[in-house]
Amino acid sequence: MKNMRYNPKDDDSRQTIDEYGEETGHWEEVESYKNSTYAWNPLEDATKILRVTKSSLGTFAWCPQQYYLEKFKGLRSEQRYYHDRGLNVHDMVEYFWANFDKTDEALKLIADERYDEAKQLLYDTIPMPTTPYSYGEEDQIEQWLDWQFERLIQTNGKYWKPAKVEANIQATRFVMIDNTPVPIHMNGYIDTIFRHDDDSYALMELKTGKWKKNKMSNMRQEMGFYRMMLENSNHHEFLPITHWGWEFPGGNIEGGENTKIHYEKANSSTMKSVEKNLERLVKAHIDMDFAPNPWLGKSKPEVPLEEQTLKCNWCDYKADCSFWSLTDEFLDEIMEDEKNE
């Protein structure tokens, strides 16, 4: 069954880079964006700089060859059901924050202990599609609304609404490679930025997949990237970032541990790790070296390849990957040798 795609905003487009410039006046960042590319090869075009997003840095850290095939060869993964689920839930959340205008009315009902009526005000803001969702979006939206209602009670409305939703951030900075500063452009959309207290802010990401505690390291890397991007942008109105967190309203699906909100103080060790990953990424472009990294954990030489746990099990690009090309050639040679014995 094909997943149903529903966007209550009736518009899937995002702000263009020129619209960003017109809104913010940050025209230097606009020019930097236009001068950047994911497929940066300094040996071929010294006028361009590298563009980096949270996703591109994460893909490189997962497997440099996958990164190369996407950014230089233009390969794209198959659209899967969980991509549409994520879009549906994110669009509804964005719609809610843009359209909920009954905060004072809800707080008055809460003060009178009319909790069900107050919560219903939040639910009434959400339009539901005439064709039912396919993959549990409705349950996730309801869980997310329940969490927002609990926050409204706890905060009494103070800093309850985000300071920014789907924040479009453009930034420029230098990465030091062999004592030489190399310019890069960083950009991305941050789900929500909340006021943490009277003089700091927090990043919050909505995740529609399963919650697993062992995913924390990678998720912190993403938040560290966002914080670094903000710190090198002209969006000083959202600084300093002192906390970050994640909402998993469907965290118990598909073997997940539970629905989960995790909130924590931002840590310096994550920022150091993000910097190291950026250095590796820029160096790979300078050397044009994107070797495959198929091993999930350490390789086991004594175990046949088909019995090992490989990152390739989650990759759509095996037919184009140099690791599998070399592996096929190696296996062909073995079979030819055995045939001639």
Protein backbone atom coordinates (compact mmCIF):
# COMPACT_ATOMS: atom_id res chain seq x y z
CA MET A 1 0.00 0.00 0.00
CA LYS A 2 1.34 3.41 -0.98
CA ASN A 3 1.66 5.79 1.93
CA MET A 4 -0.66 8.77 2.01
CA ARG A 5 1.03 12.17 1.88
CA TYR A 6 -0.82 15.01 3.58
CA ASN A 7 0.40 18.55 4.15
CA PRO A 8 -2.19 20.86 5.76
CA LYS A 9 -0.16 23.86 4.57
CA ASP A 10 -0.84 22.87 0.93
CA ASP A 11 2.73 23.83 0.11
CA ASP A 12 5.78 21.56 0.25
CA SER A 13 8.20 24.24 -0.92
CA ARG A 14 10.82 25.77 1.32
CA GLN A 15 12.20 29.26 1.39
CA THR A 16 14.55 29.96 -1.51
CA ILE A 17 17.98 31.40 -0.83
CA ASP A 18 16.95 34.75 -2.36
CA GLU A 19 13.83 34.83 -0.17
CA TYR A 20 16.11 34.19 2.79
CA GLY A 21 18.20 37.20 1.78
CA GLU A 22 15.16 39.42 1.37
CA GLU A 23 13.82 38.40 4.78
CA THR A 24 17.08 38.66 6.75
CA GLY A 25 19.29 41.05 4.79
CA HIS A 26 22.15 38.55 5.17
CA TRP A 27 23.31 38.87 1.58
CA GLU A 28 26.89 37.75 2.27
CA GLU A 29 25.51 34.37 3.35
CA VAL A 30 23.35 34.28 0.21
CA GLU A 31 26.44 34.77 -1.96
CA SER A 32 28.33 32.18 0.04
CA TYR A 33 25.52 29.67 -0.48
CA LYS A 34 25.44 30.32 -4.23
CA ASN A 35 29.21 29.89 -4.37
CA SER A 36 29.09 26.54 -2.54
CA THR A 37 28.56 22.99 -3.75
CA TYR A 38 28.41 19.50 -2.25
CA ALA A 39 30.50 18.22 -5.17
CA TRP A 40 33.48 20.41 -4.30
CA ASN A 41 36.68 19.41 -6.04
CA PRO A 42 39.32 22.10 -5.40
CA LEU A 43 41.56 20.63 -8.13
CA GLU A 44 38.91 21.32 -10.77
CA ASP A 45 37.37 24.59 -9.57
CA ALA A 46 39.17 26.76 -7.04
CA THR A 47 36.37 29.37 -7.13
CA LYS A 48 33.86 27.15 -5.30
CA ILE A 49 33.67 26.19 -1.62
CA LEU A 50 32.21 23.17 0.15
CA ARG A 51 28.58 23.20 1.28
CA VAL A 52 27.85 21.15 4.41
CA THR A 53 24.57 20.20 6.07
CA LYS A 54 23.76 18.04 9.06
CA SER A 55 22.72 15.25 6.70
CA SER A 56 25.74 15.46 4.41
CA LEU A 57 28.16 15.37 7.34
CA GLY A 58 26.26 12.43 8.81
CA THR A 59 26.35 10.54 5.51
CA PHE A 60 30.10 11.07 5.22
CA ALA A 61 30.65 9.85 8.78
CA TRP A 62 28.57 6.75 8.02
CA CYS A 63 30.30 5.89 4.73
CA PRO A 64 32.47 8.21 2.59
CA GLN A 65 31.70 6.18 -0.54
CA GLN A 66 27.95 6.60 -0.05
CA TYR A 67 28.57 10.33 0.38
CA TYR A 68 30.59 10.42 -2.86
CA LEU A 69 27.94 8.56 -4.85
CA GLU A 70 25.25 10.95 -3.65
CA LYS A 71 27.10 14.25 -3.90
CA PHE A 72 29.27 13.67 -6.96
CA LYS A 73 27.29 11.06 -8.94
CA GLY A 74 23.82 12.32 -8.00
CA LEU A 75 22.47 8.96 -6.82
CA ARG A 76 19.35 9.07 -4.66
CA SER A 77 17.95 6.53 -2.20
CA GLU A 78 14.51 5.09 -2.75
CA GLN A 79 11.67 7.02 -1.09
CA ARG A 80 10.38 4.79 1.70
CA TYR A 81 7.29 4.82 3.90
CA TYR A 82 9.08 6.28 6.91
CA HIS A 83 10.17 9.30 4.87
CA ASP A 84 6.52 10.16 4.14
CA ARG A 85 5.60 9.48 7.76
CA GLY A 86 8.24 11.93 8.90
CA LEU A 87 7.08 14.58 6.45
CA ASN A 88 3.43 14.17 7.48
CA VAL A 89 4.13 14.54 11.20
CA HIS A 90 6.59 17.41 10.77
CA ASP A 91 4.19 19.31 8.51
CA MET A 92 1.39 18.95 11.06
CA VAL A 93 3.60 20.17 13.89
CA GLU A 94 4.71 23.17 11.85
CA TYR A 95 1.05 23.87 11.01
CA PHE A 96 0.11 23.70 14.71
CA TRP A 97 2.71 26.24 15.82
CA ALA A 98 1.73 28.59 13.00
CA ASN A 99 -2.01 28.41 13.72
CA PHE A 100 -2.61 27.82 17.44
CA ASP A 101 -3.78 31.17 18.82
CA LYS A 102 -5.71 30.17 21.93
CA THR A 103 -2.94 30.06 24.52
CA ASP A 104 -4.62 32.54 26.88
CA GLU A 105 -7.96 30.76 26.58
CA ALA A 106 -6.34 27.39 27.30
CA LEU A 107 -4.48 28.78 30.33
CA LYS A 108 -7.73 30.17 31.73
CA LEU A 109 -9.40 26.77 31.38
CA ILE A 110 -6.39 25.14 33.05
CA ALA A 111 -6.62 27.62 35.94
CA ASP A 112 -10.27 26.56 36.34
CA GLU A 113 -9.18 22.88 36.26
CA ARG A 114 -11.13 22.29 33.04
CA TYR A 115 -8.28 20.27 31.60
CA ASP A 116 -10.18 18.28 28.98
CA GLU A 117 -11.60 21.45 27.45
CA ALA A 118 -8.19 23.11 27.47
CA LYS A 119 -6.55 20.14 25.77
CA GLN A 120 -9.32 20.01 23.18
CA LEU A 121 -8.36 23.52 22.07
CA LEU A 122 -4.99 22.12 20.99
CA TYR A 123 -6.59 19.16 19.23
CA ASP A 124 -9.08 21.38 17.41
CA THR A 125 -6.21 23.21 15.71
CA ILE A 126 -5.17 20.06 13.87
CA PRO A 127 -6.93 19.23 10.58
CA MET A 128 -7.09 15.52 9.81
CA PRO A 129 -6.94 14.14 6.26
CA THR A 130 -10.05 12.60 4.72
CA THR A 131 -7.96 9.58 3.74
CA PRO A 132 -6.54 7.93 6.89
CA TYR A 133 -2.82 8.01 7.52
CA SER A 134 -0.98 4.81 6.63
CA TYR A 135 1.84 4.40 9.16
CA GLY A 136 0.78 5.61 12.58
CA GLU A 137 1.06 9.35 11.99
CA GLU A 138 -2.17 10.05 13.88
CA ASP A 139 -0.92 8.30 17.02
CA GLN A 140 2.32 10.26 16.90
CA ILE A 141 0.51 13.56 16.40
CA GLU A 142 -1.78 12.82 19.36
CA GLN A 143 1.17 11.90 21.60
CA TRP A 144 2.98 15.06 20.55
CA LEU A 145 -0.11 17.20 21.33
CA ASP A 146 -0.43 15.57 24.76
CA TRP A 147 3.19 16.47 25.48
CA GLN A 148 2.63 20.09 24.44
CA PHE A 149 -0.40 20.28 26.71
CA GLU A 150 1.65 18.97 29.64
CA ARG A 151 4.33 21.58 28.87
CA LEU A 152 1.68 24.30 28.78
CA ILE A 153 0.56 23.34 32.28
CA GLN A 154 4.13 23.17 33.60
CA THR A 155 5.30 26.44 32.05
CA ASN A 156 2.06 28.37 32.48
CA GLY A 157 2.74 29.62 28.97
CA LYS A 158 6.20 31.12 29.61
CA TYR A 159 8.49 30.23 26.69
CA TRP A 160 5.96 27.55 25.75
CA LYS A 161 5.84 28.50 22.09
CA PRO A 162 9.07 28.18 20.09
CA ALA A 163 11.18 31.23 19.38
CA LYS A 164 11.50 29.87 15.84
CA VAL A 165 10.03 26.97 13.86
CA GLU A 166 11.85 25.48 10.86
CA ALA A 167 14.64 28.00 11.29
CA ASN A 168 16.49 28.49 7.99
CA ILE A 169 20.13 29.11 8.93
CA GLN A 170 23.00 30.04 6.60
CA ALA A 171 26.53 30.34 7.94
CA THR A 172 30.13 30.60 6.82
CA ARG A 173 33.31 29.64 8.61
CA PHE A 174 36.84 28.27 8.13
CA VAL A 175 38.09 24.77 8.89
CA MET A 176 41.80 24.40 9.61
CA ILE A 177 43.50 21.78 7.43
CA ASP A 178 47.28 21.44 7.80
CA ASN A 179 47.41 24.92 9.35
CA THR A 180 45.53 26.38 6.37
CA PRO A 181 42.05 27.90 6.79
CA VAL A 182 39.57 26.41 4.29
CA PRO A 183 36.22 28.20 3.87
CA ILE A 184 32.96 26.22 3.99
CA HIS A 185 29.26 27.08 3.90
CA MET A 186 26.96 25.52 6.50
CA ASN A 187 23.19 25.53 6.12
CA GLY A 188 20.09 23.73 7.31
CA TYR A 189 16.64 23.90 8.84
CA ILE A 190 16.28 23.45 12.61
CA ASP A 191 12.91 22.00 13.69
CA THR A 192 12.39 24.29 16.67
CA ILE A 193 14.40 26.70 18.80
CA PHE A 194 13.00 27.40 22.29
CA ARG A 195 13.87 30.03 24.82
CA HIS A 196 15.46 28.05 27.64
CA ASP A 197 15.51 30.80 30.25
CA ASP A 198 15.88 34.57 30.23
CA ASP A 199 19.22 34.55 28.42
CA SER A 200 19.72 31.23 26.59
CA TYR A 201 18.14 28.94 24.02
CA ALA A 202 17.57 25.24 23.37
CA LEU A 203 17.35 23.21 20.15
CA MET A 204 14.57 20.62 19.85
CA GLU A 205 14.30 18.02 17.10
CA LEU A 206 11.23 15.93 16.31
CA LYS A 207 12.00 12.31 15.40
CA THR A 208 9.34 10.00 13.97
CA GLY A 209 11.32 6.76 14.08
CA LYS A 210 12.01 4.39 16.95
CA TRP A 211 13.79 5.47 20.11
CA LYS A 212 17.01 3.63 20.90
CA LYS A 213 19.39 4.89 23.55
CA ASN A 214 22.38 3.80 21.48
CA LYS A 215 21.43 6.42 18.85
CA MET A 216 22.34 9.24 21.23
CA SER A 217 25.89 9.75 20.01
CA ASN A 218 24.84 10.36 16.39
CA MET A 219 21.94 12.59 17.46
CA ARG A 220 24.25 14.71 19.60
CA GLN A 221 26.50 15.12 16.56
CA GLU A 222 23.53 16.56 14.65
CA MET A 223 22.74 19.00 17.43
CA GLY A 224 26.39 19.96 17.71
CA PHE A 225 26.39 20.76 14.01
CA TYR A 226 23.32 22.98 14.43
CA ARG A 227 24.87 24.80 17.37
CA MET A 228 28.11 25.37 15.43
CA MET A 229 26.11 26.57 12.43
CA LEU A 230 24.22 29.09 14.56
CA GLU A 231 27.40 30.30 16.24
CA ASN A 232 28.94 31.03 12.83
CA SER A 233 25.82 32.67 11.42
CA ASN A 234 24.36 36.15 11.78
CA HIS A 235 21.44 34.74 13.78
CA HIS A 236 22.78 35.94 17.11
CA GLU A 237 19.20 36.34 18.35
CA PHE A 238 19.17 32.56 19.07
CA LEU A 239 22.40 32.45 21.08
CA PRO A 240 23.74 31.09 23.29
CA ILE A 241 22.59 27.51 22.80
CA THR A 242 22.91 25.83 26.19
CA HIS A 243 20.56 22.83 25.83
CA TRP A 244 19.17 20.48 23.23
CA GLY A 245 16.70 17.64 23.08
CA TRP A 246 14.58 15.27 21.03
CA GLU A 247 10.92 14.24 20.90
CA PHE A 248 10.09 10.66 19.85
CA PRO A 249 6.27 10.49 19.86
CA GLY A 250 6.40 7.14 18.06
CA GLY A 251 9.53 5.87 19.74
CA ASN A 252 7.97 2.51 20.60
CA ILE A 253 7.36 1.47 16.97
CA GLU A 254 9.26 -1.23 15.10
CA GLY A 255 11.19 -2.50 18.10
CA GLY A 256 11.78 0.89 19.69
CA GLU A 257 12.17 1.15 23.44
CA ASN A 258 9.43 3.70 24.23
CA THR A 259 7.89 7.03 23.36
CA LYS A 260 10.45 9.48 24.65
CA ILE A 261 11.40 13.08 25.29
CA HIS A 262 15.08 13.49 26.06
CA TYR A 263 16.45 16.89 27.09
CA GLU A 264 19.98 17.66 28.20
CA LYS A 265 22.66 20.29 28.55
CA ALA A 266 24.81 20.83 25.45
CA ASN A 267 28.32 19.48 26.01
CA SER A 268 31.72 20.59 24.74
CA SER A 269 32.92 17.08 23.88
CA THR A 270 30.25 16.85 21.18
CA MET A 271 31.44 20.12 19.66
CA LYS A 272 35.01 18.82 19.49
CA SER A 273 33.80 15.66 17.76
CA VAL A 274 31.82 17.66 15.19
CA GLU A 275 34.93 19.72 14.45
CA LYS A 276 36.98 16.56 13.89
CA ASN A 277 34.35 15.18 11.51
CA LEU A 278 34.33 18.46 9.58
CA GLU A 279 38.11 18.31 9.27
CA ARG A 280 37.89 14.75 7.91
CA LEU A 281 35.22 15.78 5.42
CA VAL A 282 37.14 18.77 4.09
CA LYS A 283 40.37 16.74 3.89
CA ALA A 284 38.57 14.02 1.92
CA HIS A 285 37.50 16.64 -0.64
CA ILE A 286 41.00 18.10 -0.86
CA ASP A 287 42.46 14.62 -1.45
CA MET A 288 39.39 13.40 -3.39
CA ASP A 289 39.50 10.25 -1.29
CA PHE A 290 36.13 8.73 -0.38
CA ALA A 291 36.97 5.12 0.38
CA PRO A 292 34.04 2.84 1.30
CA ASN A 293 33.53 1.95 4.95
CA PRO A 294 31.20 -1.08 4.89
CA TRP A 295 31.90 -2.43 8.36
CA LEU A 296 29.39 -1.93 11.15
CA GLY A 297 31.84 -2.32 13.99
CA LYS A 298 35.08 -4.23 13.36
CA SER A 299 35.52 -6.53 10.38
CA LYS A 300 35.88 -10.25 11.16
CA PRO A 301 38.39 -11.78 8.75
CA GLU A 302 37.44 -15.33 9.72
CA VAL A 303 33.72 -14.77 8.99
CA PRO A 304 32.37 -14.94 5.40
CA LEU A 305 31.32 -11.58 4.03
CA GLU A 306 27.67 -12.55 3.65
CA GLU A 307 27.50 -13.41 7.37
CA GLN A 308 28.96 -10.13 8.60
CA THR A 309 26.85 -7.16 9.68
CA LEU A 310 27.49 -4.48 7.08
CA LYS A 311 26.31 -0.91 6.66
CA CYS A 312 25.65 -1.97 3.06
CA ASN A 313 22.48 -3.72 4.26
CA TRP A 314 20.92 -0.24 4.54
CA CYS A 315 22.38 1.15 1.29
CA ASP A 316 20.77 1.41 -2.16
CA TYR A 317 24.07 1.96 -3.98
CA LYS A 318 25.80 -1.44 -3.88
CA ALA A 319 25.73 -1.74 -7.68
CA ASP A 320 27.77 1.48 -7.94
CA CYS A 321 30.04 1.04 -4.91
CA SER A 322 33.75 0.37 -5.41
CA PHE A 323 33.79 -2.00 -2.42
CA TRP A 324 31.29 -4.32 -4.07
CA SER A 325 32.93 -3.99 -7.47
CA LEU A 326 36.24 -5.10 -6.00
CA THR A 327 34.52 -7.84 -4.02
CA ASP A 328 32.81 -9.20 -7.15
CA GLU A 329 36.10 -9.20 -9.05
CA PHE A 330 37.80 -11.02 -6.17
CA LEU A 331 35.06 -13.66 -6.03
CA ASP A 332 35.19 -14.11 -9.82
CA GLU A 333 38.95 -14.75 -9.61
CA ILE A 334 38.45 -17.36 -6.87
CA MET A 335 35.75 -19.15 -8.87
CA GLU A 336 37.95 -19.10 -12.00
CA ASP A 337 40.89 -20.53 -10.04
CA GLU A 338 38.73 -23.30 -8.59
CA LYS A 339 37.38 -24.16 -12.05
CA ASN A 340 40.94 -24.50 -13.43
CA GLU A 341 42.18 -26.74 -10.61
